[in-house]
PDB file of N, CA and C in Angstrom:
ATOM      1  N   MET A   1      19.159  23.301 -11.430  1.00  0.00           N
ATOM      2  CA  MET A   1      18.685  22.300 -11.377  1.00  0.00           C
ATOM      3  C   MET A   1      19.077  21.075 -10.708  1.00  0.00           C
ATOM      4  N   SER A   2      20.503  20.684 -11.415  1.00  0.00           N
ATOM      5  CA  SER A   2      21.208  19.823 -10.906  1.00  0.00           C
ATOM      6  C   SER A   2      21.768  20.033  -9.764  1.00  0.00           C
ATOM      7  N   GLU A   3      21.857  21.101  -9.007  1.00  0.00           N
ATOM      8  CA  GLU A   3      22.499  21.362  -7.682  1.00  0.00           C
ATOM      9  C   GLU A   3      21.435  20.947  -6.839  1.00  0.00           C
ATOM     10  N   PHE A   4      20.138  21.037  -6.996  1.00  0.00           N
ATOM     11  CA  PHE A   4      18.870  20.960  -6.013  1.00  0.00           C
ATOM     12  C   PHE A   4      19.112  19.219  -6.126  1.00  0.00           C
ATOM     13  N   LEU A   5      18.926  18.768  -7.373  1.00  0.00           N
ATOM     14  CA  LEU A   5      18.987  17.169  -7.507  1.00  0.00           C
ATOM     15  C   LEU A   5      20.456  16.481  -6.667  1.00  0.00           C
ATOM     16  N   GLY A   6      21.452  17.364  -6.664  1.00  0.00           N
ATOM     17  CA  GLY A   6      22.560  16.768  -6.217  1.00  0.00           C
ATOM     18  C   GLY A   6      22.415  16.746  -4.615  1.00  0.00           C
ATOM     19  N   MET A   7      21.605  17.692  -4.180  1.00  0.00           N
ATOM     20  CA  MET A   7      21.598  17.930  -2.621  1.00  0.00           C
ATOM     21  C   MET A   7      22.904  18.034  -1.989  1.00  0.00           C
ATOM     22  N   GLY A   8      24.002  18.661  -2.412  1.00  0.00           N
ATOM     23  CA  GLY A   8      24.957  19.071  -1.787  1.00  0.00           C
ATOM     24  C   GLY A   8      26.004  17.870  -1.166  1.00  0.00           C
ATOM     25  N   GLY A   9      25.779  16.670  -2.274  1.00  0.00           N
ATOM     26  CA  GLY A   9      26.504  15.543  -2.015  1.00  0.00           C
ATOM     27  C   GLY A   9      25.972  14.643  -1.056  1.00  0.00           C
ATOM     28  N   TYR A  10      24.593  14.914  -0.730  1.00  0.00           N
ATOM     29  CA  TYR A  10      23.721  13.993  -0.087  1.00  0.00           C
ATOM     30  C   TYR A  10      22.674  13.332  -0.941  1.00  0.00           C
ATOM     31  N   ALA A  11      22.860  13.605  -1.906  1.00  0.00           N
ATOM     32  CA  ALA A  11      21.788  13.206  -2.635  1.00  0.00           C
ATOM     33  C   ALA A  11      21.353  11.418  -2.751  1.00  0.00           C
ATOM     34  N   PRO A  12      22.478  10.652  -2.735  1.00  0.00           N
ATOM     35  CA  PRO A  12      22.398   9.064  -2.463  1.00  0.00           C
ATOM     36  C   PRO A  12      21.558   8.780  -1.142  1.00  0.00           C
ATOM     37  N   TYR A  13      21.772   9.755  -0.107  1.00  0.00           N
ATOM     38  CA  TYR A  13      20.852   9.294   1.060  1.00  0.00           C
ATOM     39  C   TYR A  13      19.608   9.882   1.133  1.00  0.00           C
ATOM     40  N   VAL A  14      19.295  11.194   0.450  1.00  0.00           N
ATOM     41  CA  VAL A  14      18.040  11.685   0.125  1.00  0.00           C
ATOM     42  C   VAL A  14      17.323  10.738  -0.437  1.00  0.00           C
ATOM     43  N   TRP A  15      17.576  10.593  -1.888  1.00  0.00           N
ATOM     44  CA  TRP A  15      16.831  10.083  -2.886  1.00  0.00           C
ATOM     45  C   TRP A  15      16.509   8.421  -2.239  1.00  0.00           C
ATOM     46  N   SER A  16      17.400   7.926  -1.831  1.00  0.00           N
ATOM     47  CA  SER A  16      17.141   6.561  -1.361  1.00  0.00           C
ATOM     48  C   SER A  16      16.047   6.424  -0.407  1.00  0.00           C
ATOM     49  N   ALA A  17      16.070   7.538   0.578  1.00  0.00           N
ATOM     50  CA  ALA A  17      15.104   7.700   1.694  1.00  0.00           C
ATOM     51  C   ALA A  17      13.709   7.963   1.016  1.00  0.00           C
ATOM     52  N   TRP A  18      13.811   8.761   0.167  1.00  0.00           N
ATOM     53  CA  TRP A  18      12.401   9.123  -0.567  1.00  0.00           C
ATOM     54  C   TRP A  18      11.813   7.717  -1.419  1.00  0.00           C
ATOM     55  N   GLY A  19      12.957   6.939  -2.058  1.00  0.00           N
ATOM     56  CA  GLY A  19      12.495   5.941  -2.537  1.00  0.00           C
ATOM     57  C   GLY A  19      11.875   4.678  -1.860  1.00  0.00           C
ATOM     58  N   ALA A  20      12.630   4.496  -0.708  1.00  0.00           N
ATOM     59  CA  ALA A  20      12.145   3.580   0.210  1.00  0.00           C
ATOM     60  C   ALA A  20      10.830   4.049   0.748  1.00  0.00           C
ATOM     61  N   SER A  21      10.795   5.480   1.440  1.00  0.00           N
ATOM     62  CA  SER A  21       9.196   5.735   1.617  1.00  0.00           C
ATOM     63  C   SER A  21       8.031   5.171   0.752  1.00  0.00           C
ATOM     64  N   ALA A  22       8.466   5.794  -0.503  1.00  0.00           N
ATOM     65  CA  ALA A  22       7.515   5.721  -1.376  1.00  0.00           C
ATOM     66  C   ALA A  22       7.088   4.158  -1.651  1.00  0.00           C
ATOM     67  N   LEU A  23       8.189   3.180  -1.857  1.00  0.00           N
ATOM     68  CA  LEU A  23       7.904   1.882  -1.779  1.00  0.00           C
ATOM     69  C   LEU A  23       7.103   1.210  -0.794  1.00  0.00           C
ATOM     70  N   ALA A  24       7.414   1.621   0.613  1.00  0.00           N
ATOM     71  CA  ALA A  24       6.581   1.334   1.575  1.00  0.00           C
ATOM     72  C   ALA A  24       5.233   1.886   1.711  1.00  0.00           C
ATOM     73  N   ILE A  25       5.180   3.062   0.937  1.00  0.00           N
ATOM     74  CA  ILE A  25       3.761   3.508   0.876  1.00  0.00           C
ATOM     75  C   ILE A  25       3.072   2.801  -0.147  1.00  0.00           C
ATOM     76  N   VAL A  26       3.463   2.366  -1.256  1.00  0.00           N
ATOM     77  CA  VAL A  26       2.963   1.779  -2.343  1.00  0.00           C
ATOM     78  C   VAL A  26       2.464   0.164  -1.733  1.00  0.00           C
ATOM     79  N   ALA A  27       3.513  -0.428  -1.205  1.00  0.00           N
ATOM     80  CA  ALA A  27       3.136  -1.829  -0.459  1.00  0.00           C
ATOM     81  C   ALA A  27       1.975  -1.841   0.536  1.00  0.00           C
ATOM     82  N   LEU A  28       2.064  -0.826   1.134  1.00  0.00           N
ATOM     83  CA  LEU A  28       1.050  -0.630   2.311  1.00  0.00           C
ATOM     84  C   LEU A  28      -0.606  -0.450   1.537  1.00  0.00           C
ATOM     85  N   ILE A  29      -0.621   0.135   0.579  1.00  0.00           N
ATOM     86  CA  ILE A  29      -1.642   0.414  -0.127  1.00  0.00           C
ATOM     87  C   ILE A  29      -2.009  -0.679  -0.803  1.00  0.00           C
ATOM     88  N   VAL A  30      -1.197  -1.544  -1.496  1.00  0.00           N
ATOM     89  CA  VAL A  30      -1.682  -2.885  -2.203  1.00  0.00           C
ATOM     90  C   VAL A  30      -1.792  -3.585  -0.924  1.00  0.00           C
ATOM     91  N   PHE A  31      -1.220  -3.986   0.083  1.00  0.00           N
ATOM     92  CA  PHE A  31      -1.588  -4.893   0.994  1.00  0.00           C
ATOM     93  C   PHE A  31      -3.043  -4.414   1.567  1.00  0.00           C
ATOM     94  N   ALA A  32      -3.589  -3.222   1.647  1.00  0.00           N
ATOM     95  CA  ALA A  32      -4.650  -2.886   2.251  1.00  0.00           C
ATOM     96  C   ALA A  32      -5.725  -3.486   0.987  1.00  0.00           C
ATOM     97  N   LEU A  33      -5.630  -2.984   0.111  1.00  0.00           N
ATOM     98  CA  LEU A  33      -6.617  -3.375  -1.113  1.00  0.00           C
ATOM     99  C   LEU A  33      -6.570  -4.951  -1.395  1.00  0.00           C
ATOM    100  N   LEU A  34      -5.953  -5.820  -1.057  1.00  0.00           N
ATOM    101  CA  LEU A  34      -5.733  -7.163  -0.925  1.00  0.00           C
ATOM    102  C   LEU A  34      -6.464  -7.639   0.050  1.00  0.00           C
ATOM    103  N   GLU A  35      -6.143  -6.956   1.218  1.00  0.00           N
ATOM    104  CA  GLU A  35      -6.981  -7.230   2.572  1.00  0.00           C
ATOM    105  C   GLU A  35      -8.442  -7.137   2.279  1.00  0.00           C
ATOM    106  N   ARG A  36      -8.814  -5.877   1.991  1.00  0.00           N
ATOM    107  CA  ARG A  36     -10.085  -5.667   1.722  1.00  0.00           C
ATOM    108  C   ARG A  36     -10.960  -6.541   0.604  1.00  0.00           C
ATOM    109  N   ALA A  37     -10.276  -6.990  -0.363  1.00  0.00           N
ATOM    110  CA  ALA A  37     -10.732  -7.925  -0.968  1.00  0.00           C
ATOM    111  C   ALA A  37     -10.985  -9.324  -0.571  1.00  0.00           C
ATOM    112  N   GLY A  38      -9.917  -9.758   0.184  1.00  0.00           N
ATOM    113  CA  GLY A  38     -10.117 -10.830   1.061  1.00  0.00           C
ATOM    114  C   GLY A  38     -11.549 -10.834   1.999  1.00  0.00           C
ATOM    115  N   ALA A  39     -11.621  -9.797   2.244  1.00  0.00           N
ATOM    116  CA  ALA A  39     -12.572  -9.220   3.556  1.00  0.00           C
ATOM    117  C   ALA A  39     -13.980  -9.488   2.760  1.00  0.00           C
ATOM    118  N   ASP A  40     -13.900  -8.672   1.484  1.00  0.00           N
ATOM    119  CA  ASP A  40     -15.296  -8.901   0.779  1.00  0.00           C
ATOM    120  C   ASP A  40     -15.672 -10.100   0.374  1.00  0.00           C
ATOM    121  N   ALA A  41     -14.680 -10.876  -0.050  1.00  0.00           N
ATOM    122  CA  ALA A  41     -15.020 -12.230  -0.727  1.00  0.00           C
ATOM    123  C   ALA A  41     -15.654 -13.119   0.741  1.00  0.00           C
ATOM    124  N   ARG A  42     -14.976 -13.077   1.694  1.00  0.00           N
ATOM    125  CA  ARG A  42     -15.552 -13.583   3.031  1.00  0.00           C
ATOM    126  C   ARG A  42     -16.685 -13.362   3.371  1.00  0.00           C
ATOM    127  N   LEU A  43     -17.077 -12.226   3.310  1.00  0.00           N
ATOM    128  CA  LEU A  43     -18.335 -11.448   3.706  1.00  0.00           C
ATOM    129  C   LEU A  43     -19.224 -12.208   2.991  1.00  0.00           C
ATOM    130  N   ARG A  44     -18.889 -12.089   1.518  1.00  0.00           N
ATOM    131  CA  ARG A  44     -20.034 -12.671   0.496  1.00  0.00           C
ATOM    132  C   ARG A  44     -20.279 -14.375   0.873  1.00  0.00           C
ATOM    133  N   GLU A  45     -18.941 -14.835   1.326  1.00  0.00           N
ATOM    134  CA  GLU A  45     -19.195 -16.394   1.333  1.00  0.00           C
ATOM    135  C   GLU A  45     -20.013 -16.589   2.692  1.00  0.00           C
ATOM    136  N   LEU A  46     -19.973 -15.709   3.706  1.00  0.00           N
ATOM    137  CA  LEU A  46     -20.742 -15.751   4.979  1.00  0.00           C
ATOM    138  C   LEU A  46     -22.238 -15.464   4.896  1.00  0.00           C
ATOM    139  N   GLU A  47     -22.683 -14.373   3.853  1.00  0.00           N
ATOM    140  CA  GLU A  47     -23.660 -13.955   3.720  1.00  0.00           C
ATOM    141  C   GLU A  47     -24.424 -15.040   2.795  1.00  0.00           C
ATOM    142  N   GLY A  48     -23.603 -15.704   2.190  1.00  0.00           N
ATOM    143  CA  GLY A  48     -24.293 -16.636   1.118  1.00  0.00           C
ATOM    144  C   GLY A  48     -24.604 -18.094   1.862  1.00  0.00           C
ATOM    145  N   ASP A  49     -23.988 -18.376   3.030  1.00  0.00           N
ATOM    146  CA  ASP A  49     -24.293 -19.566   4.002  1.00  0.00           C
ATOM    147  C   ASP A  49     -25.285 -19.437   4.766  1.00  0.00           C
ATOM    148  N   GLU A  50     -25.867 -18.199   5.099  1.00  0.00           N
ATOM    149  CA  GLU A  50     -27.015 -17.998   5.958  1.00  0.00           C
ATOM    150  C   GLU A  50     -28.225 -18.364   5.296  1.00  0.00           C
ATOM    151  N   GLY A  51     -29.183 -19.064   6.048  1.00  0.00           N
ATOM    152  CA  GLY A  51     -30.473 -19.371   5.378  1.00  0.00           C
ATOM    153  C   GLY A  51     -31.322 -18.160   5.572  1.00  0.00           C
ATOM    154  N   PRO A  52     -32.627 -18.469   5.529  1.00  0.00           N
ATOM    155  CA  PRO A  52     -33.896 -17.578   5.687  1.00  0.00           C
ATOM    156  C   PRO A  52     -33.697 -16.764   7.332  1.00  0.00           C
ATOM    157  N   CYS A  53     -33.768 -15.560   7.250  1.00  0.00           N
ATOM    158  CA  CYS A  53     -33.479 -14.967   8.967  1.00  0.00           C
ATOM    159  C   CYS A  53     -34.739 -15.330   9.803  1.00  0.00           C
ATOM    160  N   GLU A  54     -35.881 -15.387   9.260  1.00  0.00           N
ATOM    161  CA  GLU A  54     -37.212 -15.945   9.901  1.00  0.00           C
ATOM    162  C   GLU A  54     -37.445 -17.161   9.589  1.00  0.00           C
TER     163      GLU A  54
END
C-alpha cells in the first residue's frame, strides 16, 4: 500500500494535483450554490414587486 501511495517518488506531484483538483471542484460547487441562492432571492424580489397581472 505504501508503494502505491509513494507513486514511485512522484507522490508530491500526484497528490498535490489531486488535492488542487478536489479543491477546485469544491470551490465551483460552493460558488454555484451561492449564485443559485442569489438568483432565487432576486427572483423572489422581482416576483414580489409585480402588481396584479390583469
